[in-house]
Amino acid sequence: MRDPEIMNAVKETLALLSEKAPGRAIEVRIPPYAAIQCGEGPTHTRGTPPNVIEMKADIWLALARGEKTWHESVAAGLINASGARADLSEFLPLRMSQ
């Protein structure tokens, strides 16, 4: 079951990410809440994108708030990232409203 509070936080932070990293080269998936395309590079239009990042909502929100780092989370196996551009470390943490 989807928690509305988590869903709103995920969507808000993904919107901030897309503002900070405009483009369509990377697909960021936070199932079952949301997915976006962001980041500069070749635009993806069909099939499985070449740059995919997927993680659980709690990990994503911790990264967005600066409670976890990208590199530590990848090393711990908390993030599935594939592709040459599948690295969001330069965009995190996000500036969020209180």
PDB file of N, CA and C in Angstrom:
ATOM      1  N   MET A   1       0.831  -1.182   0.000  1.00  0.00           N
ATOM      2  CA  MET A   1       0.000   0.000   0.000  1.00  0.00           C
ATOM      3  C   MET A   1       0.880   1.252   0.000  1.00  0.00           C
ATOM      4  N   ARG A   2       0.491   2.229  -0.748  1.00  0.00           N
ATOM      5  CA  ARG A   2       1.243   3.471  -0.846  1.00  0.00           C
ATOM      6  C   ARG A   2       0.862   4.419   0.289  1.00  0.00           C
ATOM      7  N   ASP A   3       1.857   4.964   0.938  1.00  0.00           N
ATOM      8  CA  ASP A   3       1.657   5.951   1.980  1.00  0.00           C
ATOM      9  C   ASP A   3       1.600   7.321   1.308  1.00  0.00           C
ATOM     10  N   PRO A   4       0.497   8.067   1.455  1.00  0.00           N
ATOM     11  CA  PRO A   4       0.373   9.361   0.775  1.00  0.00           C
ATOM     12  C   PRO A   4       1.460  10.363   1.177  1.00  0.00           C
ATOM     13  N   GLU A   5       1.890  10.347   2.415  1.00  0.00           N
ATOM     14  CA  GLU A   5       2.930  11.269   2.862  1.00  0.00           C
ATOM     15  C   GLU A   5       4.267  10.961   2.174  1.00  0.00           C
ATOM     16  N   ILE A   6       4.600   9.682   2.099  1.00  0.00           N
ATOM     17  CA  ILE A   6       5.834   9.284   1.409  1.00  0.00           C
ATOM     18  C   ILE A   6       5.728   9.610  -0.076  1.00  0.00           C
ATOM     19  N   MET A   7       4.572   9.324  -0.667  1.00  0.00           N
ATOM     20  CA  MET A   7       4.390   9.597  -2.088  1.00  0.00           C
ATOM     21  C   MET A   7       4.566  11.088  -2.377  1.00  0.00           C
ATOM     22  N   ASN A   8       4.004  11.942  -1.563  1.00  0.00           N
ATOM     23  CA  ASN A   8       4.151  13.388  -1.770  1.00  0.00           C
ATOM     24  C   ASN A   8       5.604  13.819  -1.625  1.00  0.00           C
ATOM     25  N   ALA A   9       6.302  13.290  -0.625  1.00  0.00           N
ATOM     26  CA  ALA A   9       7.715  13.645  -0.418  1.00  0.00           C
ATOM     27  C   ALA A   9       8.565  13.168  -1.589  1.00  0.00           C
ATOM     28  N   VAL A  10       8.318  11.966  -2.081  1.00  0.00           N
ATOM     29  CA  VAL A  10       9.070  11.445  -3.227  1.00  0.00           C
ATOM     30  C   VAL A  10       8.827  12.309  -4.457  1.00  0.00           C
ATOM     31  N   LYS A  11       7.570  12.620  -4.732  1.00  0.00           N
ATOM     32  CA  LYS A  11       7.252  13.427  -5.914  1.00  0.00           C
ATOM     33  C   LYS A  11       7.841  14.834  -5.800  1.00  0.00           C
ATOM     34  N   GLU A  12       7.790  15.425  -4.613  1.00  0.00           N
ATOM     35  CA  GLU A  12       8.351  16.760  -4.410  1.00  0.00           C
ATOM     36  C   GLU A  12       9.864  16.759  -4.639  1.00  0.00           C
ATOM     37  N   THR A  13      10.545  15.771  -4.090  1.00  0.00           N
ATOM     38  CA  THR A  13      12.000  15.729  -4.228  1.00  0.00           C
ATOM     39  C   THR A  13      12.427  15.366  -5.648  1.00  0.00           C
ATOM     40  N   LEU A  14      11.677  14.512  -6.313  1.00  0.00           N
ATOM     41  CA  LEU A  14      11.996  14.223  -7.716  1.00  0.00           C
ATOM     42  C   LEU A  14      11.775  15.453  -8.592  1.00  0.00           C
ATOM     43  N   ALA A  15      10.768  16.257  -8.265  1.00  0.00           N
ATOM     44  CA  ALA A  15      10.556  17.505  -9.006  1.00  0.00           C
ATOM     45  C   ALA A  15      11.740  18.453  -8.799  1.00  0.00           C
ATOM     46  N   LEU A  16      12.242  18.528  -7.570  1.00  0.00           N
ATOM     47  CA  LEU A  16      13.424  19.346  -7.303  1.00  0.00           C
ATOM     48  C   LEU A  16      14.636  18.832  -8.083  1.00  0.00           C
ATOM     49  N   LEU A  17      14.790  17.513  -8.139  1.00  0.00           N
ATOM     50  CA  LEU A  17      15.889  16.927  -8.902  1.00  0.00           C
ATOM     51  C   LEU A  17      15.780  17.296 -10.372  1.00  0.00           C
ATOM     52  N   SER A  18      14.581  17.206 -10.934  1.00  0.00           N
ATOM     53  CA  SER A  18      14.430  17.519 -12.360  1.00  0.00           C
ATOM     54  C   SER A  18      14.705  18.998 -12.647  1.00  0.00           C
ATOM     55  N   GLU A  19      14.461  19.878 -11.671  1.00  0.00           N
ATOM     56  CA  GLU A  19      14.815  21.293 -11.829  1.00  0.00           C
ATOM     57  C   GLU A  19      16.332  21.478 -11.771  1.00  0.00           C
ATOM     58  N   LYS A  20      16.965  20.757 -10.872  1.00  0.00           N
ATOM     59  CA  LYS A  20      18.416  20.873 -10.679  1.00  0.00           C
ATOM     60  C   LYS A  20      19.196  20.180 -11.798  1.00  0.00           C
ATOM     61  N   ALA A  21      18.612  19.132 -12.371  1.00  0.00           N
ATOM     62  CA  ALA A  21      19.264  18.339 -13.417  1.00  0.00           C
ATOM     63  C   ALA A  21      18.313  18.142 -14.592  1.00  0.00           C
ATOM     64  N   PRO A  22      18.036  19.220 -15.343  1.00  0.00           N
ATOM     65  CA  PRO A  22      17.096  19.078 -16.460  1.00  0.00           C
ATOM     66  C   PRO A  22      17.651  18.161 -17.551  1.00  0.00           C
ATOM     67  N   GLY A  23      16.749  17.534 -18.253  1.00  0.00           N
ATOM     68  CA  GLY A  23      17.125  16.649 -19.345  1.00  0.00           C
ATOM     69  C   GLY A  23      16.363  15.349 -19.274  1.00  0.00           C
ATOM     70  N   ARG A  24      16.791  14.403 -20.125  1.00  0.00           N
ATOM     71  CA  ARG A  24      16.092  13.109 -20.190  1.00  0.00           C
ATOM     72  C   ARG A  24      17.047  11.947 -20.393  1.00  0.00           C
ATOM     73  N   ALA A  25      18.275  12.073 -19.923  1.00  0.00           N
ATOM     74  CA  ALA A  25      19.273  11.029 -20.156  1.00  0.00           C
ATOM     75  C   ALA A  25      19.269   9.937 -19.093  1.00  0.00           C
ATOM     76  N   ILE A  26      18.720  10.223 -17.917  1.00  0.00           N
ATOM     77  CA  ILE A  26      18.735   9.280 -16.791  1.00  0.00           C
ATOM     78  C   ILE A  26      17.303   9.052 -16.333  1.00  0.00           C
ATOM     79  N   GLU A  27      16.939   7.814 -16.126  1.00  0.00           N
ATOM     80  CA  GLU A  27      15.639   7.515 -15.543  1.00  0.00           C
ATOM     81  C   GLU A  27      15.846   7.172 -14.077  1.00  0.00           C
ATOM     82  N   VAL A  28      15.150   7.877 -13.205  1.00  0.00           N
ATOM     83  CA  VAL A  28      15.221   7.651 -11.763  1.00  0.00           C
ATOM     84  C   VAL A  28      13.882   7.051 -11.338  1.00  0.00           C
ATOM     85  N   ARG A  29      13.951   5.862 -10.754  1.00  0.00           N
ATOM     86  CA  ARG A  29      12.740   5.129 -10.358  1.00  0.00           C
ATOM     87  C   ARG A  29      12.719   4.934  -8.841  1.00  0.00           C
ATOM     88  N   ILE A  30      11.604   5.335  -8.237  1.00  0.00           N
ATOM     89  CA  ILE A  30      11.378   5.128  -6.809  1.00  0.00           C
ATOM     90  C   ILE A  30      10.049   4.372  -6.694  1.00  0.00           C
ATOM     91  N   PRO A  31      10.077   3.055  -6.932  1.00  0.00           N
ATOM     92  CA  PRO A  31       8.825   2.294  -6.925  1.00  0.00           C
ATOM     93  C   PRO A  31       8.279   2.139  -5.506  1.00  0.00           C
ATOM     94  N   PRO A  32       6.975   2.105  -5.346  1.00  0.00           N
ATOM     95  CA  PRO A  32       5.924   2.244  -6.364  1.00  0.00           C
ATOM     96  C   PRO A  32       5.437   3.680  -6.522  1.00  0.00           C
ATOM     97  N   TYR A  33       6.226   4.647  -6.091  1.00  0.00           N
ATOM     98  CA  TYR A  33       5.749   6.019  -5.986  1.00  0.00           C
ATOM     99  C   TYR A  33       5.870   6.863  -7.251  1.00  0.00           C
ATOM    100  N   ALA A  34       7.011   6.847  -7.892  1.00  0.00           N
ATOM    101  CA  ALA A  34       7.198   7.732  -9.048  1.00  0.00           C
ATOM    102  C   ALA A  34       8.470   7.368  -9.800  1.00  0.00           C
ATOM    103  N   ALA A  35       8.571   7.915 -11.005  1.00  0.00           N
ATOM    104  CA  ALA A  35       9.781   7.803 -11.828  1.00  0.00           C
ATOM    105  C   ALA A  35       9.859   9.058 -12.682  1.00  0.00           C
ATOM    106  N   ILE A  36      11.080   9.521 -12.918  1.00  0.00           N
ATOM    107  CA  ILE A  36      11.283  10.688 -13.773  1.00  0.00           C
ATOM    108  C   ILE A  36      12.476  10.438 -14.689  1.00  0.00           C
ATOM    109  N   GLN A  37      12.574  11.271 -15.695  1.00  0.00           N
ATOM    110  CA  GLN A  37      13.779  11.334 -16.514  1.00  0.00           C
ATOM    111  C   GLN A  37      14.420  12.688 -16.257  1.00  0.00           C
ATOM    112  N   CYS A  38      15.732  12.684 -16.107  1.00  0.00           N
ATOM    113  CA  CYS A  38      16.461  13.914 -15.824  1.00  0.00           C
ATOM    114  C   CYS A  38      17.880  13.783 -16.348  1.00  0.00           C
ATOM    115  N   GLY A  39      18.651  14.827 -16.212  1.00  0.00           N
ATOM    116  CA  GLY A  39      20.065  14.785 -16.550  1.00  0.00           C
ATOM    117  C   GLY A  39      20.362  15.049 -18.010  1.00  0.00           C
ATOM    118  N   GLU A  40      21.460  15.760 -18.220  1.00  0.00           N
ATOM    119  CA  GLU A  40      21.898  16.087 -19.570  1.00  0.00           C
ATOM    120  C   GLU A  40      22.478  14.862 -20.271  1.00  0.00           C
ATOM    121  N   GLY A  41      22.357  14.865 -21.565  1.00  0.00           N
ATOM    122  CA  GLY A  41      22.890  13.777 -22.370  1.00  0.00           C
ATOM    123  C   GLY A  41      21.887  13.374 -23.423  1.00  0.00           C
ATOM    124  N   PRO A  42      22.153  12.273 -24.112  1.00  0.00           N
ATOM    125  CA  PRO A  42      21.234  11.808 -25.156  1.00  0.00           C
ATOM    126  C   PRO A  42      19.848  11.540 -24.586  1.00  0.00           C
ATOM    127  N   THR A  43      18.834  12.037 -25.270  1.00  0.00           N
ATOM    128  CA  THR A  43      17.449  11.848 -24.844  1.00  0.00           C
ATOM    129  C   THR A  43      17.010  10.428 -25.134  1.00  0.00           C
ATOM    130  N   HIS A  44      16.360   9.837 -24.149  1.00  0.00           N
ATOM    131  CA  HIS A  44      15.858   8.472 -24.298  1.00  0.00           C
ATOM    132  C   HIS A  44      14.382   8.539 -24.639  1.00  0.00           C
ATOM    133  N   THR A  45      13.934   7.734 -25.635  1.00  0.00           N
ATOM    134  CA  THR A  45      12.527   7.774 -26.031  1.00  0.00           C
ATOM    135  C   THR A  45      11.804   6.431 -25.987  1.00  0.00           C
ATOM    136  N   ARG A  46      12.500   5.299 -26.142  1.00  0.00           N
ATOM    137  CA  ARG A  46      11.813   4.000 -26.180  1.00  0.00           C
ATOM    138  C   ARG A  46      12.580   2.928 -25.440  1.00  0.00           C
ATOM    139  N   GLY A  47      11.820   1.931 -24.967  1.00  0.00           N
ATOM    140  CA  GLY A  47      12.440   0.780 -24.326  1.00  0.00           C
ATOM    141  C   GLY A  47      13.120   1.124 -23.015  1.00  0.00           C
ATOM    142  N   THR A  48      13.996   0.248 -22.589  1.00  0.00           N
ATOM    143  CA  THR A  48      14.719   0.460 -21.340  1.00  0.00           C
ATOM    144  C   THR A  48      15.811   1.504 -21.555  1.00  0.00           C
ATOM    145  N   PRO A  49      15.814   2.547 -20.739  1.00  0.00           N
ATOM    146  CA  PRO A  49      16.837   3.582 -20.900  1.00  0.00           C
ATOM    147  C   PRO A  49      18.232   3.037 -20.611  1.00  0.00           C
ATOM    148  N   PRO A  50      19.270   3.625 -21.208  1.00  0.00           N
ATOM    149  CA  PRO A  50      20.633   3.160 -20.960  1.00  0.00           C
ATOM    150  C   PRO A  50      21.155   3.558 -19.576  1.00  0.00           C
ATOM    151  N   ASN A  51      20.566   4.574 -18.960  1.00  0.00           N
ATOM    152  CA  ASN A  51      20.990   5.043 -17.635  1.00  0.00           C
ATOM    153  C   ASN A  51      19.789   4.970 -16.695  1.00  0.00           C
ATOM    154  N   VAL A  52      19.802   3.996 -15.807  1.00  0.00           N
ATOM    155  CA  VAL A  52      18.676   3.765 -14.909  1.00  0.00           C
ATOM    156  C   VAL A  52      19.173   3.729 -13.474  1.00  0.00           C
ATOM    157  N   ILE A  53      18.432   4.421 -12.605  1.00  0.00           N
ATOM    158  CA  ILE A  53      18.704   4.419 -11.176  1.00  0.00           C
ATOM    159  C   ILE A  53      17.408   4.028 -10.480  1.00  0.00           C
ATOM    160  N   GLU A  54      17.503   3.065  -9.566  1.00  0.00           N
ATOM    161  CA  GLU A  54      16.317   2.635  -8.837  1.00  0.00           C
ATOM    162  C   GLU A  54      16.683   2.391  -7.382  1.00  0.00           C
ATOM    163  N   MET A  55      15.790   2.812  -6.482  1.00  0.00           N
ATOM    164  CA  MET A  55      16.005   2.595  -5.046  1.00  0.00           C
ATOM    165  C   MET A  55      14.671   2.704  -4.317  1.00  0.00           C
ATOM    166  N   LYS A  56      14.682   2.286  -3.083  1.00  0.00           N
ATOM    167  CA  LYS A  56      13.499   2.394  -2.232  1.00  0.00           C
ATOM    168  C   LYS A  56      13.298   3.852  -1.818  1.00  0.00           C
ATOM    169  N   ALA A  57      12.066   4.174  -1.480  1.00  0.00           N
ATOM    170  CA  ALA A  57      11.708   5.546  -1.126  1.00  0.00           C
ATOM    171  C   ALA A  57      12.477   6.054   0.081  1.00  0.00           C
ATOM    172  N   ASP A  58      12.675   5.229   1.090  1.00  0.00           N
ATOM    173  CA  ASP A  58      13.374   5.712   2.287  1.00  0.00           C
ATOM    174  C   ASP A  58      14.820   6.077   1.985  1.00  0.00           C
ATOM    175  N   ILE A  59      15.451   5.341   1.094  1.00  0.00           N
ATOM    176  CA  ILE A  59      16.829   5.651   0.699  1.00  0.00           C
ATOM    177  C   ILE A  59      16.849   6.958  -0.086  1.00  0.00           C
ATOM    178  N   TRP A  60      15.942   7.093  -1.052  1.00  0.00           N
ATOM    179  CA  TRP A  60      15.872   8.312  -1.847  1.00  0.00           C
ATOM    180  C   TRP A  60      15.671   9.545  -0.953  1.00  0.00           C
ATOM    181  N   LEU A  61      14.737   9.464  -0.033  1.00  0.00           N
ATOM    182  CA  LEU A  61      14.463  10.621   0.823  1.00  0.00           C
ATOM    183  C   LEU A  61      15.647  10.939   1.730  1.00  0.00           C
ATOM    184  N   ALA A  62      16.347   9.928   2.210  1.00  0.00           N
ATOM    185  CA  ALA A  62      17.557  10.158   3.023  1.00  0.00           C
ATOM    186  C   ALA A  62      18.648  10.830   2.192  1.00  0.00           C
ATOM    187  N   LEU A  63      18.798  10.437   0.941  1.00  0.00           N
ATOM    188  CA  LEU A  63      19.758  11.090   0.052  1.00  0.00           C
ATOM    189  C   LEU A  63      19.360  12.542  -0.205  1.00  0.00           C
ATOM    190  N   ALA A  64      18.086  12.755  -0.480  1.00  0.00           N
ATOM    191  CA  ALA A  64      17.592  14.101  -0.772  1.00  0.00           C
ATOM    192  C   ALA A  64      17.804  15.044   0.410  1.00  0.00           C
ATOM    193  N   ARG A  65      17.671  14.524   1.622  1.00  0.00           N
ATOM    194  CA  ARG A  65      17.845  15.339   2.839  1.00  0.00           C
ATOM    195  C   ARG A  65      19.292  15.435   3.289  1.00  0.00           C
ATOM    196  N   GLY A  66      20.180  14.673   2.677  1.00  0.00           N
ATOM    197  CA  GLY A  66      21.578  14.692   3.070  1.00  0.00           C
ATOM    198  C   GLY A  66      21.901  13.789   4.246  1.00  0.00           C
ATOM    199  N   GLU A  67      21.016  12.870   4.557  1.00  0.00           N
ATOM    200  CA  GLU A  67      21.235  11.934   5.662  1.00  0.00           C
ATOM    201  C   GLU A  67      22.098  10.747   5.244  1.00  0.00           C
ATOM    202  N   LYS A  68      22.179  10.495   3.957  1.00  0.00           N
ATOM    203  CA  LYS A  68      23.035   9.457   3.383  1.00  0.00           C
ATOM    204  C   LYS A  68      23.781  10.074   2.211  1.00  0.00           C
ATOM    205  N   THR A  69      24.929   9.484   1.869  1.00  0.00           N
ATOM    206  CA  THR A  69      25.644   9.952   0.685  1.00  0.00           C
ATOM    207  C   THR A  69      25.432   8.968  -0.455  1.00  0.00           C
ATOM    208  N   TRP A  70      25.562   9.488  -1.665  1.00  0.00           N
ATOM    209  CA  TRP A  70      25.383   8.674  -2.858  1.00  0.00           C
ATOM    210  C   TRP A  70      26.372   7.517  -2.894  1.00  0.00           C
ATOM    211  N   HIS A  71      27.661   7.836  -2.740  1.00  0.00           N
ATOM    212  CA  HIS A  71      28.691   6.801  -2.900  1.00  0.00           C
ATOM    213  C   HIS A  71      28.592   5.718  -1.825  1.00  0.00           C
ATOM    214  N   GLU A  72      28.306   6.087  -0.590  1.00  0.00           N
ATOM    215  CA  GLU A  72      28.135   5.084   0.467  1.00  0.00           C
ATOM    216  C   GLU A  72      26.919   4.206   0.200  1.00  0.00           C
ATOM    217  N   SER A  73      25.843   4.816  -0.288  1.00  0.00           N
ATOM    218  CA  SER A  73      24.618   4.054  -0.557  1.00  0.00           C
ATOM    219  C   SER A  73      24.801   3.089  -1.719  1.00  0.00           C
ATOM    220  N   VAL A  74      25.523   3.513  -2.753  1.00  0.00           N
ATOM    221  CA  VAL A  74      25.816   2.608  -3.875  1.00  0.00           C
ATOM    222  C   VAL A  74      26.688   1.454  -3.381  1.00  0.00           C
ATOM    223  N   ALA A  75      27.740   1.772  -2.623  1.00  0.00           N
ATOM    224  CA  ALA A  75      28.656   0.738  -2.116  1.00  0.00           C
ATOM    225  C   ALA A  75      27.938  -0.260  -1.211  1.00  0.00           C
ATOM    226  N   ALA A  76      26.925   0.205  -0.480  1.00  0.00           N
ATOM    227  CA  ALA A  76      26.170  -0.668   0.420  1.00  0.00           C
ATOM    228  C   ALA A  76      25.090  -1.465  -0.312  1.00  0.00           C
ATOM    229  N   GLY A  77      24.947  -1.254  -1.613  1.00  0.00           N
ATOM    230  CA  GLY A  77      23.947  -1.990  -2.384  1.00  0.00           C
ATOM    231  C   GLY A  77      22.528  -1.464  -2.210  1.00  0.00           C
ATOM    232  N   LEU A  78      22.395  -0.225  -1.756  1.00  0.00           N
ATOM    233  CA  LEU A  78      21.073   0.361  -1.522  1.00  0.00           C
ATOM    234  C   LEU A  78      20.495   1.016  -2.771  1.00  0.00           C
ATOM    235  N   ILE A  79      21.345   1.195  -3.779  1.00  0.00           N
ATOM    236  CA  ILE A  79      20.942   1.827  -5.033  1.00  0.00           C
ATOM    237  C   ILE A  79      21.346   0.912  -6.182  1.00  0.00           C
ATOM    238  N   ASN A  80      20.419   0.669  -7.090  1.00  0.00           N
ATOM    239  CA  ASN A  80      20.734  -0.023  -8.337  1.00  0.00           C
ATOM    240  C   ASN A  80      20.934   1.050  -9.392  1.00  0.00           C
ATOM    241  N   ALA A  81      22.140   1.146  -9.918  1.00  0.00           N
ATOM    242  CA  ALA A  81      22.456   2.165 -10.917  1.00  0.00           C
ATOM    243  C   ALA A  81      23.215   1.519 -12.063  1.00  0.00           C
ATOM    244  N   SER A  82      22.727   1.746 -13.288  1.00  0.00           N
ATOM    245  CA  SER A  82      23.423   1.215 -14.458  1.00  0.00           C
ATOM    246  C   SER A  82      23.499   2.291 -15.519  1.00  0.00           C
ATOM    247  N   GLY A  83      24.608   2.318 -16.218  1.00  0.00           N
ATOM    248  CA  GLY A  83      24.816   3.282 -17.277  1.00  0.00           C
ATOM    249  C   GLY A  83      25.884   4.291 -16.906  1.00  0.00           C
ATOM    250  N   ALA A  84      26.511   4.863 -17.911  1.00  0.00           N
ATOM    251  CA  ALA A  84      27.622   5.792 -17.721  1.00  0.00           C
ATOM    252  C   ALA A  84      27.215   7.069 -16.999  1.00  0.00           C
ATOM    253  N   ARG A  85      25.936   7.472 -17.114  1.00  0.00           N
ATOM    254  CA  ARG A  85      25.477   8.704 -16.474  1.00  0.00           C
ATOM    255  C   ARG A  85      24.646   8.448 -15.215  1.00  0.00           C
ATOM    256  N   ALA A  86      24.612   7.238 -14.746  1.00  0.00           N
ATOM    257  CA  ALA A  86      23.759   6.875 -13.603  1.00  0.00           C
ATOM    258  C   ALA A  86      24.432   7.212 -12.274  1.00  0.00           C
ATOM    259  N   ASP A  87      24.646   8.504 -12.054  1.00  0.00           N
ATOM    260  CA  ASP A  87      25.268   8.993 -10.821  1.00  0.00           C
ATOM    261  C   ASP A  87      24.663  10.352 -10.503  1.00  0.00           C
ATOM    262  N   LEU A  88      23.975  10.439  -9.382  1.00  0.00           N
ATOM    263  CA  LEU A  88      23.315  11.690  -8.996  1.00  0.00           C
ATOM    264  C   LEU A  88      24.075  12.442  -7.915  1.00  0.00           C
ATOM    265  N   SER A  89      25.279  12.024  -7.592  1.00  0.00           N
ATOM    266  CA  SER A  89      26.008  12.603  -6.463  1.00  0.00           C
ATOM    267  C   SER A  89      26.191  14.116  -6.573  1.00  0.00           C
ATOM    268  N   GLU A  90      26.361  14.647  -7.780  1.00  0.00           N
ATOM    269  CA  GLU A  90      26.577  16.089  -7.909  1.00  0.00           C
ATOM    270  C   GLU A  90      25.316  16.906  -7.624  1.00  0.00           C
ATOM    271  N   PHE A  91      24.144  16.259  -7.593  1.00  0.00           N
ATOM    272  CA  PHE A  91      22.883  16.968  -7.388  1.00  0.00           C
ATOM    273  C   PHE A  91      22.335  16.817  -5.961  1.00  0.00           C
ATOM    274  N   LEU A  92      22.973  15.996  -5.154  1.00  0.00           N
ATOM    275  CA  LEU A  92      22.446  15.694  -3.816  1.00  0.00           C
ATOM    276  C   LEU A  92      23.345  16.261  -2.740  1.00  0.00           C
ATOM    277  N   PRO A  93      22.803  16.662  -1.603  1.00  0.00           N
ATOM    278  CA  PRO A  93      21.383  16.681  -1.259  1.00  0.00           C
ATOM    279  C   PRO A  93      20.640  17.801  -1.972  1.00  0.00           C
ATOM    280  N   LEU A  94      19.319  17.728  -1.905  1.00  0.00           N
ATOM    281  CA  LEU A  94      18.449  18.718  -2.530  1.00  0.00           C
ATOM    282  C   LEU A  94      18.038  19.762  -1.499  1.00  0.00           C
ATOM    283  N   ARG A  95      17.812  20.969  -1.963  1.00  0.00           N
ATOM    284  CA  ARG A  95      17.287  22.009  -1.072  1.00  0.00           C
ATOM    285  C   ARG A  95      15.776  21.782  -0.979  1.00  0.00           C
ATOM    286  N   MET A  96      15.307  21.518   0.237  1.00  0.00           N
ATOM    287  CA  MET A  96      13.907  21.185   0.426  1.00  0.00           C
ATOM    288  C   MET A  96      13.257  22.167   1.392  1.00  0.00           C
ATOM    289  N   SER A  97      11.941  22.380   1.218  1.00  0.00           N
ATOM    290  CA  SER A  97      11.193  23.226   2.155  1.00  0.00           C
ATOM    291  C   SER A  97      10.964  22.444   3.439  1.00  0.00           C
ATOM    292  N   GLN A  98      10.838  23.146   4.526  1.00  0.00           N
ATOM    293  CA  GLN A  98      10.629  22.502   5.827  1.00  0.00           C
ATOM    294  C   GLN A  98       9.173  22.185   6.054  1.00  0.00           C
TER     295      GLN A  98
END
